[in-house]
Protein backbone atom coordinates (compact mmCIF):
# COMPACT_ATOMS: atom_id res chain seq x y z
CA UNK A 1 29.54 4.92 2.88
CA UNK A 2 27.94 7.34 0.43
CA UNK A 3 25.13 5.97 -1.76
CA UNK A 4 26.01 7.12 -5.26
CA UNK A 5 23.51 7.37 -8.09
CA UNK A 6 24.69 5.67 -11.30
CA UNK A 7 25.13 7.95 -14.31
CA UNK A 8 25.32 6.57 -17.88
CA UNK A 9 28.80 6.43 -19.45
CA UNK A 10 30.61 7.16 -16.19
CA UNK A 11 33.76 5.01 -15.69
CA UNK A 12 32.96 4.39 -12.04
CA UNK A 13 29.52 2.88 -12.79
CA UNK A 14 30.34 -0.63 -11.40
CA UNK A 15 31.54 0.91 -8.11
CA UNK A 16 28.42 3.05 -7.84
CA UNK A 17 26.20 0.02 -8.43
CA UNK A 18 27.98 -1.89 -5.68
CA UNK A 19 27.54 1.05 -3.33
CA UNK A 20 23.82 1.17 -4.05
CA UNK A 21 23.44 -2.54 -3.24
CA UNK A 22 25.36 -2.10 -0.01
CA UNK A 23 23.22 0.87 1.02
CA UNK A 24 20.01 -1.05 0.31
CA UNK A 25 21.15 -4.03 2.41
CA UNK A 26 22.20 -1.75 5.25
CA UNK A 27 18.83 0.02 5.22
CA UNK A 28 16.92 -3.27 5.41
CA UNK A 29 19.04 -4.40 8.33
CA UNK A 30 18.38 -1.09 10.08
CA UNK A 31 14.60 -1.36 9.87
CA UNK A 32 14.34 -3.31 13.14
CA UNK A 33 17.20 -1.64 15.05
CA UNK A 34 17.02 1.98 13.86
CA UNK A 35 17.41 4.43 16.77
CA UNK A 36 16.70 7.71 14.98
CA UNK A 37 20.26 9.01 15.33
CA UNK A 38 21.15 9.23 11.66
CA UNK A 39 23.21 11.99 10.12
CA UNK A 40 22.10 13.92 7.05
CA UNK A 41 24.09 12.90 3.98
CA UNK A 42 23.63 13.78 0.30
CA UNK A 43 24.85 12.17 -2.89
CA UNK A 44 28.14 13.40 -4.31
CA UNK A 45 27.61 15.91 -7.11
CA UNK A 46 28.16 15.29 -10.79
CA UNK A 47 27.71 17.33 -13.97
CA UNK A 48 24.04 17.90 -14.74
CA UNK A 49 22.72 17.09 -18.23
CA UNK A 50 22.69 19.98 -20.69
CA UNK A 51 18.87 19.97 -20.73
CA UNK A 52 18.81 20.89 -17.06
CA UNK A 53 20.88 24.02 -17.75
CA UNK A 54 19.35 25.31 -20.99
CA UNK A 55 15.72 24.15 -21.11
CA UNK A 56 14.09 27.43 -20.04
CA UNK A 57 11.31 27.61 -22.62
CA UNK A 58 8.76 30.08 -21.23
CA UNK A 59 8.42 33.78 -20.45
CA UNK A 60 6.17 35.89 -18.24
CA UNK A 61 3.81 37.91 -20.37
CA UNK A 62 3.62 41.60 -19.46
CA UNK A 63 -0.07 41.77 -20.49
CA UNK A 64 -2.53 40.47 -17.88
CA UNK A 65 -5.63 41.11 -20.05
CA UNK A 66 -7.99 38.32 -18.99
CA UNK A 67 -9.22 37.80 -22.56
CA UNK A 68 -5.82 36.21 -23.23
CA UNK A 69 -6.16 33.60 -20.48
CA UNK A 70 -8.49 30.77 -19.47
CA UNK A 71 -8.97 28.36 -16.56
CA UNK A 72 -9.24 24.58 -17.00
CA UNK A 73 -11.66 22.89 -14.57
CA UNK A 74 -12.71 19.23 -14.33
CA UNK A 75 -13.53 16.42 -11.92
CA UNK A 76 -12.02 12.96 -12.34
CA UNK A 77 -14.39 10.14 -11.40
CA UNK A 78 -13.81 6.40 -11.01
CA UNK A 79 -16.21 4.74 -13.45
CA UNK A 80 -17.06 1.78 -11.24
CA UNK A 81 -17.93 0.85 -7.68
CA UNK A 82 -15.84 2.77 -5.12
CA UNK A 83 -12.75 0.88 -3.99
CA UNK A 84 -11.49 0.44 -0.48
CA UNK A 85 -7.77 1.21 -0.02
CA UNK A 86 -5.44 -1.74 0.06
CA UNK A 87 -3.98 -2.62 3.45
CA UNK A 88 -0.25 -2.49 4.16
CA UNK A 89 1.03 -4.75 6.93
CA UNK A 90 3.82 -3.09 8.92
CA UNK A 91 6.27 -4.53 11.40
CA UNK A 92 4.76 -5.84 14.63
CA UNK A 93 1.40 -6.60 12.99
CA UNK A 94 0.35 -2.95 12.55
CA UNK A 95 -1.77 -2.14 9.50
CA UNK A 96 -2.21 1.07 7.48
CA UNK A 97 -4.13 2.06 4.33
CA UNK A 98 -2.24 2.27 1.05
CA UNK A 99 -2.35 5.63 -0.73
CA UNK A 100 -1.72 4.11 -4.15
CA UNK A 101 -5.35 4.45 -5.36
CA UNK A 102 -7.78 6.62 -3.39
CA UNK A 103 -11.40 6.62 -4.58
CA UNK A 104 -13.87 8.75 -2.61
CA UNK A 105 -16.63 6.50 -1.24
CA UNK A 106 -19.21 9.31 -1.46
CA UNK A 107 -18.66 10.74 -4.95
CA UNK A 108 -16.16 8.31 -6.59
CA UNK A 109 -13.65 11.12 -7.09
CA UNK A 110 -10.09 9.93 -7.76
CA UNK A 111 -7.40 11.70 -5.75
CA UNK A 112 -3.79 12.34 -6.77
CA UNK A 113 -4.24 12.33 -10.54
CA UNK A 114 -1.69 14.74 -12.04
CA UNK A 115 -2.39 16.83 -15.15
CA UNK A 116 0.26 19.00 -16.79
CA UNK A 117 0.85 20.77 -20.09
CA UNK A 118 2.83 18.59 -22.48
CA UNK A 119 5.73 20.61 -23.89
CA UNK A 120 8.59 19.33 -25.99
CA UNK A 121 12.11 20.79 -26.28
CA UNK A 122 12.42 23.13 -29.24
CA UNK A 123 8.84 24.40 -29.15
CA UNK A 124 8.29 28.19 -29.19
CA UNK A 125 8.55 29.80 -25.73
CA UNK A 126 5.35 29.50 -23.71
CA UNK A 127 3.46 32.57 -22.50
CA UNK A 128 2.89 32.47 -18.72
CA UNK A 129 0.55 34.78 -16.82
CA UNK A 130 2.55 37.41 -14.86
CA UNK A 131 0.82 36.48 -11.56
CA UNK A 132 2.81 33.23 -11.52
CA UNK A 133 6.08 35.13 -11.18
CA UNK A 134 5.16 35.97 -7.58
CA UNK A 135 4.53 32.31 -6.78
CA UNK A 136 7.75 31.00 -8.30
CA UNK A 137 9.65 31.27 -5.00
CA UNK A 138 6.87 30.00 -2.72
CA UNK A 139 8.17 27.18 -0.51
CA UNK A 140 7.06 23.61 -1.26
CA UNK A 141 6.93 21.47 1.89
CA UNK A 142 7.07 17.69 2.17
CA UNK A 143 6.87 15.96 5.54
CA UNK A 144 7.80 12.48 6.71
CA UNK A 145 5.09 11.88 9.29
CA UNK A 146 3.41 8.78 10.68
CA UNK A 147 5.63 6.58 8.46
CA UNK A 148 4.23 8.22 5.33
CA UNK A 149 5.07 11.18 3.08
CA UNK A 150 2.70 14.14 3.38
CA UNK A 151 1.44 15.02 0.84
CA UNK A 152 1.52 11.85 -1.22
CA UNK A 153 1.82 13.80 -4.49
CA UNK A 154 3.30 17.30 -4.86
CA UNK A 155 4.33 19.84 -7.49
CA UNK A 156 7.46 22.00 -7.68
CA UNK A 157 8.92 24.33 -10.26
CA UNK A 158 12.56 24.56 -11.26
CA UNK A 159 14.54 26.62 -8.75
CA UNK A 160 11.58 26.74 -6.38
CA UNK A 161 12.62 26.04 -2.77
CA UNK A 162 11.60 22.57 -1.57
CA UNK A 163 11.82 21.63 2.11
CA UNK A 164 11.61 18.07 3.44
CA UNK A 165 11.05 17.97 7.20
CA UNK A 166 10.85 15.21 9.81
CA UNK A 167 8.79 16.05 12.92
CA UNK A 168 8.58 12.41 14.06
CA UNK A 169 10.59 11.00 16.99
CA UNK A 170 12.48 8.60 14.71
CA UNK A 171 14.48 8.97 11.50
CA UNK A 172 13.71 8.47 7.82
CA UNK A 173 15.66 7.88 4.62
CA UNK A 174 14.49 9.92 1.59
CA UNK A 175 15.87 9.03 -1.82
CA UNK A 176 15.04 9.60 -5.49
CA UNK A 177 16.50 8.92 -8.94
CA UNK A 178 15.93 11.71 -11.48
CA UNK A 179 16.49 12.28 -15.21
CA UNK A 180 17.51 15.95 -15.39
CA UNK A 181 18.57 16.64 -11.80
CA UNK A 182 21.00 15.25 -9.27
CA UNK A 183 19.83 12.11 -7.52
CA UNK A 184 19.72 12.22 -3.74
CA UNK A 185 19.76 9.84 -0.80
CA UNK A 186 19.28 11.67 2.50
CA UNK A 187 19.01 10.46 6.07
CA UNK A 188 16.85 12.71 8.27
CA UNK A 189 16.94 12.26 12.03
CA UNK A 190 14.13 13.50 14.26
CA UNK A 191 13.62 17.26 13.92
CA UNK A 192 15.74 17.60 10.77
CA UNK A 193 14.82 19.64 7.71
CA UNK A 194 16.52 19.51 4.33
CA UNK A 195 16.39 22.23 1.66
CA UNK A 196 16.82 21.56 -2.05
CA UNK A 197 16.10 22.99 -5.50
CA UNK A 198 15.77 21.36 -8.90
CA UNK A 199 17.56 22.93 -11.87
CA UNK A 200 15.80 21.02 -14.66
CA UNK A 201 12.24 19.96 -15.32
CA UNK A 202 11.39 16.27 -15.13
CA UNK A 203 9.40 14.41 -17.81
CA UNK A 204 7.14 12.60 -15.31
CA UNK A 205 6.57 12.64 -11.55
CA UNK A 206 9.60 11.39 -9.62
CA UNK A 207 9.14 8.69 -7.01
CA UNK A 208 10.41 9.38 -3.48
CA UNK A 209 11.17 6.36 -1.32
CA UNK A 210 12.44 5.38 2.11
CA UNK A 211 14.74 2.34 2.38
CA UNK A 212 14.08 2.05 6.12
CA UNK A 213 10.28 1.97 5.77
CA UNK A 214 9.97 0.06 2.50
CA UNK A 215 6.25 0.76 2.01
CA UNK A 216 6.71 4.54 2.00
CA UNK A 217 6.51 6.40 -1.30
CA UNK A 218 5.45 9.74 -2.73
CA UNK A 219 5.63 11.51 -6.08
CA UNK A 220 6.97 14.93 -7.01
CA UNK A 221 6.48 16.53 -10.43
CA UNK A 222 9.09 19.17 -11.31
CA UNK A 223 8.25 21.53 -14.19
CA UNK A 224 9.64 24.88 -15.29
CA UNK A 225 6.20 26.35 -16.13
CA UNK A 226 3.33 26.50 -13.60
CA UNK A 227 0.68 24.72 -15.68
CA UNK A 228 0.13 21.55 -13.64
CA UNK A 229 -2.35 20.45 -10.99
CA UNK A 230 -3.25 17.50 -8.74
CA UNK A 231 -6.81 16.23 -8.18
CA UNK A 232 -8.12 16.56 -4.62
CA UNK A 233 -10.03 14.00 -2.53
CA UNK A 234 -13.16 14.52 -4.67
CA UNK A 235 -11.25 14.34 -7.95
CA UNK A 236 -11.48 18.11 -8.55
CA UNK A 237 -8.68 19.76 -10.48
CA UNK A 238 -8.08 23.30 -11.73
CA UNK A 239 -5.30 25.03 -13.65
CA UNK A 240 -5.65 28.81 -13.68
CA UNK A 241 -4.73 31.34 -16.36
CA UNK A 242 -3.60 29.14 -19.19
CA UNK A 243 -2.80 30.99 -22.40
CA UNK A 244 -5.73 30.89 -24.83
CA UNK A 245 -5.17 28.36 -27.62
CA UNK A 246 -4.97 24.65 -28.33
CA UNK A 247 -2.75 22.70 -25.96
CA UNK A 248 -1.91 19.08 -25.22
CA UNK A 249 -2.01 17.85 -21.63
CA UNK A 250 -0.80 14.69 -19.90
CA UNK A 251 -3.12 12.86 -17.48
CA UNK A 252 -1.14 10.61 -15.12
CA UNK A 253 -1.65 8.55 -11.97
CA UNK A 254 1.00 6.59 -10.11
CA UNK A 255 -0.53 3.38 -11.52
CA UNK A 256 0.08 4.66 -15.08
CA UNK A 257 -1.09 7.06 -17.78
CA UNK A 258 -4.84 7.55 -18.02
CA UNK A 259 -5.42 6.04 -21.48
CA UNK A 260 -9.22 5.84 -21.61
CA UNK A 261 -11.97 8.15 -20.41
CA UNK A 262 -15.56 9.18 -20.93
CA UNK A 263 -15.67 12.88 -21.74
CA UNK A 264 -18.98 14.69 -22.30
CA UNK A 265 -20.70 11.31 -22.66
CA UNK A 266 -18.27 10.00 -25.29
CA UNK A 267 -15.68 7.28 -24.83
CA UNK A 268 -12.23 8.55 -25.82
CA UNK A 269 -8.73 7.11 -25.94
CA UNK A 270 -5.69 9.12 -24.88
CA UNK A 271 -2.39 7.89 -26.33
CA UNK A 272 0.03 7.72 -23.40
CA UNK A 273 -2.37 9.89 -21.41
CA UNK A 274 -2.26 12.79 -23.92
CA UNK A 275 -5.38 14.87 -24.57
CA UNK A 276 -5.57 18.02 -26.71
CA UNK A 277 -7.95 20.75 -25.54
CA UNK A 278 -8.88 24.20 -26.75
CA UNK A 279 -8.57 26.76 -23.99
CA UNK A 280 -10.91 29.72 -24.42
CA UNK A 281 -11.07 32.94 -22.36
CA UNK A 282 -12.69 32.48 -18.94
CA UNK A 283 -13.60 29.12 -17.42
CA UNK A 284 -13.28 25.96 -19.48
CA UNK A 285 -15.24 23.40 -17.43
CA UNK A 286 -15.10 19.82 -18.71
CA UNK A 287 -17.43 18.61 -15.97
CA UNK A 288 -17.06 15.00 -14.84
CA UNK A 289 -14.43 12.98 -16.67
CA UNK A 290 -15.04 9.29 -16.02
CA UNK A 291 -12.00 7.00 -15.79
CA UNK A 292 -12.60 3.25 -16.40
CA UNK A 293 -11.09 0.87 -13.80
CA UNK A 294 -8.78 -0.57 -16.49
CA UNK A 295 -6.67 2.60 -16.30
CA UNK A 296 -5.49 1.71 -12.81
CA UNK A 297 -3.03 -1.17 -12.87
CA UNK A 298 -2.25 -1.91 -9.23
């Protein structure tokens, strides 16, 4: 049976919903008896939304004069006592750490916070530094390893090659529902790789899941421009060569938008995680940005 993703206004929606329920029940039943001999299968295609075909709203500038570009640098810090990761109990009594909220015990840095430029359809085309053209076709790799996705959060651009690989001795199921791209539900046996590309940008990071290993999840943000970054294990984050000017950015974590912060010693509120910053030539270093514990709804 093929697991079909429901699409609004499609006449076969009830049948697709039934197929999804059947696939979910089958995956749960397979968790104890799975032998790793699954075949790769993708969702049947359907017409992509118009936004996925026409929403190309940037251009590569031919002028690389550094006075026209600036870097954004900051470090995101948990404004409270460092947290220990939650424990996930697996089958057979095994235990592993959750990756949902990772706070560095040494410096309170928050990992896996995503920051991207907030752009709306219909805005004037965005200038992008010409150096990013060379990186547009760099391969993005996700791995199903040790019953987890590696990395836990990743970035990809539209039409950039994405590869999901499985080096483990058993199989995995990788699935995602998307707004502007085709949903997928893929079964990867040991040693398999699967190549894909996204035609449209996504409004927020997309959740990847595995029906066989129900605790597994990861997030992938798909944008057409390159102006996005993910905080590292110490909360450090950098976006290079932004066009000089005033821009709005989104600050997001898998537990929700970052709505409150302490920036330069002042408490600020960010509506739905939006913050407007002036980018000047050279390095724009915001220093430590403290995030109150209330941002993180686990």
